[in-house]
Amino acid sequence: MRRHSVRLTLVVLVIGCLVAMAALSVHSKSAPAYIGNVRSYVFHRQTCRHLPTAKNRTYFDTRAQAVDAGYRPCRKCKP
């Protein structure tokens, strides 16, 4: 009985790791790194508390893209 529960635990851990790795790879390819405000020309990290509303957002993959487009970094999240 104990051997069976150890195997089951191991299988569950391996499956959990595979699912987490798949989610990270999908997330990193599809989600932009920075979110800009089209009205104020300020760009933020995805985790910033001061993100603009959905209708005022534009997306950038790199910090350089945002700066080249004329956006300045947020003073709160400091991207």
C-alpha atoms as a PDB file:
ATOM      1  CA  MET A   1       0.000   0.000   0.000  1.00  0.00           C
ATOM      2  CA  ARG A   2       2.750   2.440   0.909  1.00  0.00           C
ATOM      3  CA  ARG A   3       4.643   1.771  -2.333  1.00  0.00           C
ATOM      4  CA  HIS A   4       1.519   2.569  -4.341  1.00  0.00           C
ATOM      5  CA  SER A   5       0.988   5.908  -2.584  1.00  0.00           C
ATOM      6  CA  VAL A   6       4.626   6.923  -3.177  1.00  0.00           C
ATOM      7  CA  ARG A   7       4.297   6.174  -6.895  1.00  0.00           C
ATOM      8  CA  LEU A   8       1.036   8.067  -7.111  1.00  0.00           C
ATOM      9  CA  THR A   9       2.571  11.077  -5.354  1.00  0.00           C
ATOM     10  CA  LEU A  10       5.510  11.026  -7.745  1.00  0.00           C
ATOM     11  CA  VAL A  11       3.222  10.875 -10.783  1.00  0.00           C
ATOM     12  CA  VAL A  12       1.143  13.775  -9.487  1.00  0.00           C
ATOM     13  CA  LEU A  13       4.273  15.880  -8.904  1.00  0.00           C
ATOM     14  CA  VAL A  14       5.640  15.158 -12.388  1.00  0.00           C
ATOM     15  CA  ILE A  15       2.314  16.012 -14.041  1.00  0.00           C
ATOM     16  CA  GLY A  16       2.073  19.208 -11.997  1.00  0.00           C
ATOM     17  CA  CYS A  17       5.558  20.264 -13.081  1.00  0.00           C
ATOM     18  CA  LEU A  18       4.779  19.580 -16.741  1.00  0.00           C
ATOM     19  CA  VAL A  19       1.575  21.601 -16.573  1.00  0.00           C
ATOM     20  CA  ALA A  20       3.370  24.513 -14.901  1.00  0.00           C
ATOM     21  CA  MET A  21       6.151  24.488 -17.508  1.00  0.00           C
ATOM     22  CA  ALA A  22       3.610  24.448 -20.339  1.00  0.00           C
ATOM     23  CA  ALA A  23       1.719  27.363 -18.807  1.00  0.00           C
ATOM     24  CA  LEU A  24       4.901  29.399 -18.445  1.00  0.00           C
ATOM     25  CA  SER A  25       5.978  28.801 -22.029  1.00  0.00           C
ATOM     26  CA  VAL A  26       2.562  29.800 -23.392  1.00  0.00           C
ATOM     27  CA  HIS A  27       2.389  32.856 -21.110  1.00  0.00           C
ATOM     28  CA  SER A  28       5.856  34.113 -21.972  1.00  0.00           C
ATOM     29  CA  LYS A  29       5.211  33.936 -25.733  1.00  0.00           C
ATOM     30  CA  SER A  30       1.770  35.517 -25.753  1.00  0.00           C
ATOM     31  CA  ALA A  31       1.894  38.167 -23.041  1.00  0.00           C
ATOM     32  CA  PRO A  32       3.626  41.473 -23.670  1.00  0.00           C
ATOM     33  CA  ALA A  33       6.230  42.583 -21.170  1.00  0.00           C
ATOM     34  CA  TYR A  34       4.983  46.171 -20.814  1.00  0.00           C
ATOM     35  CA  ILE A  35       1.639  47.935 -20.999  1.00  0.00           C
ATOM     36  CA  GLY A  36       1.458  51.541 -22.127  1.00  0.00           C
ATOM     37  CA  ASN A  37      -1.207  54.177 -21.552  1.00  0.00           C
ATOM     38  CA  VAL A  38      -2.140  55.780 -24.873  1.00  0.00           C
ATOM     39  CA  ARG A  39      -3.400  58.935 -23.151  1.00  0.00           C
ATOM     40  CA  SER A  40      -0.523  59.689 -20.770  1.00  0.00           C
ATOM     41  CA  TYR A  41       2.336  57.997 -22.675  1.00  0.00           C
ATOM     42  CA  VAL A  42       3.454  56.134 -19.537  1.00  0.00           C
ATOM     43  CA  PHE A  43       4.345  52.429 -19.657  1.00  0.00           C
ATOM     44  CA  HIS A  44       4.036  49.934 -16.809  1.00  0.00           C
ATOM     45  CA  ARG A  45       4.976  46.409 -15.777  1.00  0.00           C
ATOM     46  CA  GLN A  46       2.163  43.856 -16.054  1.00  0.00           C
ATOM     47  CA  THR A  47       1.948  43.720 -12.265  1.00  0.00           C
ATOM     48  CA  CYS A  48       1.661  47.474 -11.651  1.00  0.00           C
ATOM     49  CA  ARG A  49      -1.295  48.689  -9.578  1.00  0.00           C
ATOM     50  CA  HIS A  50      -1.634  51.744 -11.816  1.00  0.00           C
ATOM     51  CA  LEU A  51      -2.406  50.076 -15.155  1.00  0.00           C
ATOM     52  CA  PRO A  52      -4.681  51.981 -17.526  1.00  0.00           C
ATOM     53  CA  THR A  53      -8.167  50.790 -18.407  1.00  0.00           C
ATOM     54  CA  ALA A  54      -8.380  48.284 -21.246  1.00  0.00           C
ATOM     55  CA  LYS A  55      -9.435  50.868 -23.851  1.00  0.00           C
ATOM     56  CA  ASN A  56      -6.381  53.048 -23.103  1.00  0.00           C
ATOM     57  CA  ARG A  57      -3.771  50.266 -23.342  1.00  0.00           C
ATOM     58  CA  THR A  58      -1.069  49.549 -25.875  1.00  0.00           C
ATOM     59  CA  TYR A  59       1.431  46.723 -25.559  1.00  0.00           C
ATOM     60  CA  PHE A  60       5.204  46.490 -25.917  1.00  0.00           C
ATOM     61  CA  ASP A  61       7.462  43.426 -25.925  1.00  0.00           C
ATOM     62  CA  THR A  62      10.548  45.318 -24.776  1.00  0.00           C
ATOM     63  CA  ARG A  63      11.368  48.415 -22.769  1.00  0.00           C
ATOM     64  CA  ALA A  64      13.267  49.808 -25.763  1.00  0.00           C
ATOM     65  CA  GLN A  65      10.132  49.625 -27.921  1.00  0.00           C
ATOM     66  CA  ALA A  66       8.182  51.663 -25.388  1.00  0.00           C
ATOM     67  CA  VAL A  67      10.892  54.303 -25.037  1.00  0.00           C
ATOM     68  CA  ASP A  68      11.351  54.528 -28.830  1.00  0.00           C
ATOM     69  CA  ALA A  69       7.606  55.089 -29.177  1.00  0.00           C
ATOM     70  CA  GLY A  70       7.838  58.109 -26.864  1.00  0.00           C
ATOM     71  CA  TYR A  71       6.591  56.540 -23.636  1.00  0.00           C
ATOM     72  CA  ARG A  72       8.186  57.175 -20.247  1.00  0.00           C
ATOM     73  CA  PRO A  73       8.445  54.598 -17.427  1.00  0.00           C
ATOM     74  CA  CYS A  74       5.932  54.580 -14.588  1.00  0.00           C
ATOM     75  CA  ARG A  75       7.318  56.164 -11.432  1.00  0.00           C
ATOM     76  CA  LYS A  76       5.649  53.561  -9.214  1.00  0.00           C
ATOM     77  CA  CYS A  77       6.618  50.204 -10.782  1.00  0.00           C
ATOM     78  CA  LYS A  78       9.835  51.505 -12.405  1.00  0.00           C
ATOM     79  CA  PRO A  79       9.940  49.200 -15.461  1.00  0.00           C
END
